[in-house]
Amino acid sequence: MRVVPFVYCVLLTALLAGLYITRHNRLTELRIRAISLERDLRVQEAERRRLELEYMMFVSPVRLEGIARKAQYASLRQPMQDEVLTLEEP
């Protein structure tokens, strides 16, 4: 008669231990994934900052003035106000 409650206690303990281990493994997996995502985020932010710097250098007035002075662009000129056509959106 004492064997039946003991078996139930052992099975219940094994079930609870299994659930705990499963939950702990899932938590560990999520922590590892969070670290990986943070690393990817830092890489993407660094790339964004690099591209912003490259863009700022590209549209720099000093660079644009230097390009305007080159002989190959000497034929280009600023259009007069009456030569500019604007399109209205429907």
N, C-alpha and C. Protein backbone atom coordinates (compact mmCIF):
# COMPACT_ATOMS: atom_id res chain seq x y z
N MET A 1 0.80 -1.19 0.00
CA MET A 1 0.00 0.00 0.00
C MET A 1 0.85 1.27 0.00
N ARG A 2 1.98 1.22 0.60
CA ARG A 2 2.83 2.41 0.65
C ARG A 2 3.57 2.64 -0.67
N VAL A 3 3.59 1.67 -1.53
CA VAL A 3 4.32 1.78 -2.80
C VAL A 3 3.61 2.74 -3.75
N VAL A 4 2.30 2.76 -3.77
CA VAL A 4 1.54 3.57 -4.71
C VAL A 4 1.79 5.06 -4.47
N PRO A 5 1.68 5.61 -3.25
CA PRO A 5 1.97 7.03 -3.07
C PRO A 5 3.43 7.37 -3.39
N PHE A 6 4.33 6.45 -3.10
CA PHE A 6 5.73 6.69 -3.39
C PHE A 6 5.95 6.80 -4.90
N VAL A 7 5.32 5.93 -5.67
CA VAL A 7 5.44 5.96 -7.14
C VAL A 7 4.86 7.27 -7.68
N TYR A 8 3.71 7.69 -7.15
CA TYR A 8 3.14 8.96 -7.58
C TYR A 8 4.07 10.13 -7.26
N CYS A 9 4.68 10.11 -6.11
CA CYS A 9 5.60 11.19 -5.74
C CYS A 9 6.81 11.21 -6.66
N VAL A 10 7.33 10.04 -6.99
CA VAL A 10 8.49 9.96 -7.88
C VAL A 10 8.11 10.46 -9.27
N LEU A 11 6.96 10.02 -9.78
CA LEU A 11 6.52 10.46 -11.11
C LEU A 11 6.25 11.97 -11.14
N LEU A 12 5.62 12.49 -10.09
CA LEU A 12 5.35 13.92 -10.02
C LEU A 12 6.65 14.71 -9.95
N THR A 13 7.60 14.24 -9.17
CA THR A 13 8.90 14.91 -9.07
C THR A 13 9.63 14.88 -10.41
N ALA A 14 9.59 13.73 -11.10
CA ALA A 14 10.24 13.63 -12.41
C ALA A 14 9.58 14.56 -13.42
N LEU A 15 8.24 14.64 -13.38
CA LEU A 15 7.53 15.52 -14.29
C LEU A 15 7.88 16.98 -14.03
N LEU A 16 7.88 17.39 -12.77
CA LEU A 16 8.22 18.77 -12.43
C LEU A 16 9.67 19.09 -12.78
N ALA A 17 10.57 18.14 -12.56
CA ALA A 17 11.98 18.36 -12.92
C ALA A 17 12.12 18.52 -14.44
N GLY A 18 11.40 17.70 -15.19
CA GLY A 18 11.43 17.81 -16.65
C GLY A 18 10.91 19.15 -17.12
N LEU A 19 9.81 19.61 -16.53
CA LEU A 19 9.27 20.92 -16.90
C LEU A 19 10.24 22.04 -16.55
N TYR A 20 10.89 21.94 -15.41
CA TYR A 20 11.86 22.96 -15.01
C TYR A 20 13.04 22.99 -15.97
N ILE A 21 13.54 21.82 -16.33
CA ILE A 21 14.67 21.75 -17.25
C ILE A 21 14.28 22.31 -18.62
N THR A 22 13.09 21.99 -19.08
CA THR A 22 12.63 22.51 -20.37
C THR A 22 12.53 24.03 -20.35
N ARG A 23 11.95 24.56 -19.28
CA ARG A 23 11.82 26.02 -19.17
C ARG A 23 13.19 26.68 -19.07
N HIS A 24 14.10 26.09 -18.33
CA HIS A 24 15.45 26.64 -18.18
C HIS A 24 16.19 26.62 -19.52
N ASN A 25 16.05 25.54 -20.27
CA ASN A 25 16.68 25.46 -21.60
C ASN A 25 16.12 26.52 -22.54
N ARG A 26 14.83 26.74 -22.50
CA ARG A 26 14.20 27.77 -23.34
C ARG A 26 14.71 29.16 -22.97
N LEU A 27 14.82 29.42 -21.67
CA LEU A 27 15.33 30.70 -21.20
C LEU A 27 16.78 30.91 -21.65
N THR A 28 17.58 29.87 -21.54
CA THR A 28 18.98 29.95 -21.98
C THR A 28 19.06 30.21 -23.48
N GLU A 29 18.20 29.54 -24.24
CA GLU A 29 18.17 29.74 -25.70
C GLU A 29 17.80 31.19 -26.03
N LEU A 30 16.83 31.75 -25.32
CA LEU A 30 16.43 33.14 -25.57
C LEU A 30 17.54 34.12 -25.19
N ARG A 31 18.26 33.83 -24.12
CA ARG A 31 19.39 34.70 -23.75
C ARG A 31 20.47 34.70 -24.81
N ILE A 32 20.77 33.52 -25.34
CA ILE A 32 21.78 33.42 -26.41
C ILE A 32 21.32 34.17 -27.64
N ARG A 33 20.04 34.05 -27.97
CA ARG A 33 19.50 34.75 -29.14
C ARG A 33 19.53 36.26 -28.93
N ALA A 34 19.25 36.71 -27.70
CA ALA A 34 19.29 38.15 -27.41
C ALA A 34 20.69 38.70 -27.59
N ILE A 35 21.69 37.96 -27.16
CA ILE A 35 23.08 38.40 -27.33
C ILE A 35 23.41 38.50 -28.81
N SER A 36 22.97 37.52 -29.59
CA SER A 36 23.22 37.54 -31.04
C SER A 36 22.52 38.73 -31.70
N LEU A 37 21.29 39.00 -31.30
CA LEU A 37 20.56 40.13 -31.88
C LEU A 37 21.19 41.46 -31.49
N GLU A 38 21.69 41.58 -30.27
CA GLU A 38 22.38 42.81 -29.86
C GLU A 38 23.64 43.02 -30.70
N ARG A 39 24.36 41.95 -30.96
CA ARG A 39 25.57 42.05 -31.78
C ARG A 39 25.20 42.49 -33.19
N ASP A 40 24.15 41.92 -33.76
CA ASP A 40 23.70 42.32 -35.10
C ASP A 40 23.26 43.78 -35.12
N LEU A 41 22.59 44.20 -34.06
CA LEU A 41 22.15 45.60 -33.96
C LEU A 41 23.34 46.55 -33.93
N ARG A 42 24.37 46.21 -33.17
CA ARG A 42 25.57 47.06 -33.12
C ARG A 42 26.24 47.14 -34.49
N VAL A 43 26.28 46.02 -35.21
CA VAL A 43 26.89 46.02 -36.55
C VAL A 43 26.08 46.91 -37.49
N GLN A 44 24.77 46.80 -37.45
CA GLN A 44 23.93 47.62 -38.33
C GLN A 44 24.01 49.10 -37.97
N GLU A 45 24.09 49.43 -36.68
CA GLU A 45 24.23 50.83 -36.29
C GLU A 45 25.57 51.39 -36.76
N ALA A 46 26.62 50.60 -36.67
CA ALA A 46 27.92 51.05 -37.15
C ALA A 46 27.88 51.27 -38.67
N GLU A 47 27.22 50.39 -39.38
CA GLU A 47 27.09 50.54 -40.84
C GLU A 47 26.28 51.79 -41.17
N ARG A 48 25.20 52.05 -40.42
CA ARG A 48 24.38 53.24 -40.65
C ARG A 48 25.20 54.51 -40.41
N ARG A 49 26.00 54.52 -39.32
CA ARG A 49 26.83 55.70 -39.04
C ARG A 49 27.87 55.90 -40.14
N ARG A 50 28.44 54.79 -40.64
CA ARG A 50 29.43 54.89 -41.72
C ARG A 50 28.78 55.46 -42.98
N LEU A 51 27.57 54.99 -43.30
CA LEU A 51 26.88 55.49 -44.49
C LEU A 51 26.47 56.95 -44.33
N GLU A 52 26.06 57.35 -43.13
CA GLU A 52 25.72 58.76 -42.89
C GLU A 52 26.95 59.64 -43.10
N LEU A 53 28.10 59.20 -42.59
CA LEU A 53 29.33 59.96 -42.77
C LEU A 53 29.70 60.04 -44.25
N GLU A 54 29.57 58.92 -44.96
CA GLU A 54 29.87 58.91 -46.39
C GLU A 54 28.93 59.85 -47.14
N TYR A 55 27.66 59.87 -46.77
CA TYR A 55 26.69 60.76 -47.41
C TYR A 55 27.04 62.22 -47.14
N MET A 56 27.37 62.53 -45.90
CA MET A 56 27.72 63.91 -45.55
C MET A 56 28.97 64.36 -46.31
N MET A 57 29.91 63.47 -46.48
CA MET A 57 31.10 63.82 -47.26
C MET A 57 30.74 64.00 -48.74
N PHE A 58 29.78 63.20 -49.23
CA PHE A 58 29.37 63.26 -50.63
C PHE A 58 28.69 64.57 -50.96
N VAL A 59 27.84 65.07 -50.06
CA VAL A 59 27.11 66.31 -50.33
C VAL A 59 27.79 67.52 -49.71
N SER A 60 29.02 67.37 -49.30
CA SER A 60 29.75 68.46 -48.69
C SER A 60 29.91 69.61 -49.69
N PRO A 61 29.64 70.84 -49.26
CA PRO A 61 29.78 71.98 -50.17
C PRO A 61 31.21 72.14 -50.70
N VAL A 62 32.19 71.82 -49.90
CA VAL A 62 33.58 71.93 -50.34
C VAL A 62 33.83 70.96 -51.49
N ARG A 63 33.33 69.74 -51.37
CA ARG A 63 33.51 68.74 -52.42
C ARG A 63 32.75 69.16 -53.67
N LEU A 64 31.52 69.66 -53.51
CA LEU A 64 30.73 70.06 -54.67
C LEU A 64 31.36 71.25 -55.39
N GLU A 65 31.92 72.19 -54.66
CA GLU A 65 32.60 73.31 -55.29
C GLU A 65 33.84 72.83 -56.04
N GLY A 66 34.56 71.87 -55.47
CA GLY A 66 35.72 71.32 -56.16
C GLY A 66 35.33 70.63 -57.46
N ILE A 67 34.23 69.93 -57.45
CA ILE A 67 33.75 69.26 -58.66
C ILE A 67 33.33 70.31 -59.69
N ALA A 68 32.69 71.39 -59.24
CA ALA A 68 32.23 72.42 -60.17
C ALA A 68 33.41 73.10 -60.87
N ARG A 69 34.56 73.14 -60.25
CA ARG A 69 35.74 73.78 -60.85
C ARG A 69 36.44 72.90 -61.88
N LYS A 70 36.12 71.62 -61.93
CA LYS A 70 36.79 70.72 -62.87
C LYS A 70 36.39 71.07 -64.30
N ALA A 71 37.32 70.84 -65.23
CA ALA A 71 37.12 71.21 -66.64
C ALA A 71 36.00 70.39 -67.28
N GLN A 72 35.83 69.17 -66.87
CA GLN A 72 34.81 68.33 -67.51
C GLN A 72 33.39 68.80 -67.19
N TYR A 73 33.23 69.58 -66.13
CA TYR A 73 31.91 70.10 -65.78
C TYR A 73 31.78 71.60 -66.09
N ALA A 74 32.70 72.16 -66.86
CA ALA A 74 32.69 73.59 -67.15
C ALA A 74 31.47 73.98 -67.99
N SER A 75 30.92 73.06 -68.76
CA SER A 75 29.78 73.39 -69.62
C SER A 75 28.47 73.46 -68.84
N LEU A 76 28.44 72.94 -67.64
CA LEU A 76 27.23 72.96 -66.84
C LEU A 76 27.04 74.34 -66.21
N ARG A 77 25.79 74.77 -66.10
CA ARG A 77 25.53 76.07 -65.49
C ARG A 77 24.24 75.96 -64.68
N GLN A 78 24.04 76.90 -63.79
CA GLN A 78 22.83 76.96 -62.99
C GLN A 78 21.69 77.48 -63.87
N PRO A 79 20.54 76.82 -63.94
CA PRO A 79 19.45 77.30 -64.79
C PRO A 79 18.84 78.58 -64.22
N MET A 80 18.35 79.42 -65.11
CA MET A 80 17.67 80.64 -64.69
C MET A 80 16.30 80.25 -64.13
N GLN A 81 15.74 81.16 -63.36
CA GLN A 81 14.46 80.87 -62.70
C GLN A 81 13.34 80.61 -63.71
N ASP A 82 13.36 81.32 -64.85
CA ASP A 82 12.30 81.13 -65.83
C ASP A 82 12.49 79.85 -66.66
N GLU A 83 13.66 79.23 -66.57
CA GLU A 83 13.92 77.98 -67.28
C GLU A 83 13.50 76.75 -66.46
N VAL A 84 13.21 76.94 -65.20
CA VAL A 84 12.85 75.83 -64.33
C VAL A 84 11.36 75.57 -64.47
N LEU A 85 11.01 74.32 -64.80
CA LEU A 85 9.61 73.90 -64.91
C LEU A 85 9.26 73.03 -63.70
N THR A 86 8.14 73.32 -63.11
CA THR A 86 7.71 72.49 -61.98
C THR A 86 6.47 71.73 -62.39
N LEU A 87 6.39 70.50 -61.96
CA LEU A 87 5.24 69.66 -62.25
C LEU A 87 4.34 69.62 -61.04
N GLU A 88 3.08 69.83 -61.26
CA GLU A 88 2.13 69.77 -60.17
C GLU A 88 1.59 68.36 -60.04
N GLU A 89 1.44 67.93 -58.82
CA GLU A 89 0.92 66.59 -58.59
C GLU A 89 -0.59 66.61 -58.76
N PRO A 90 -1.15 65.57 -59.39
CA PRO A 90 -2.62 65.54 -59.62
C PRO A 90 -3.38 65.31 -58.34
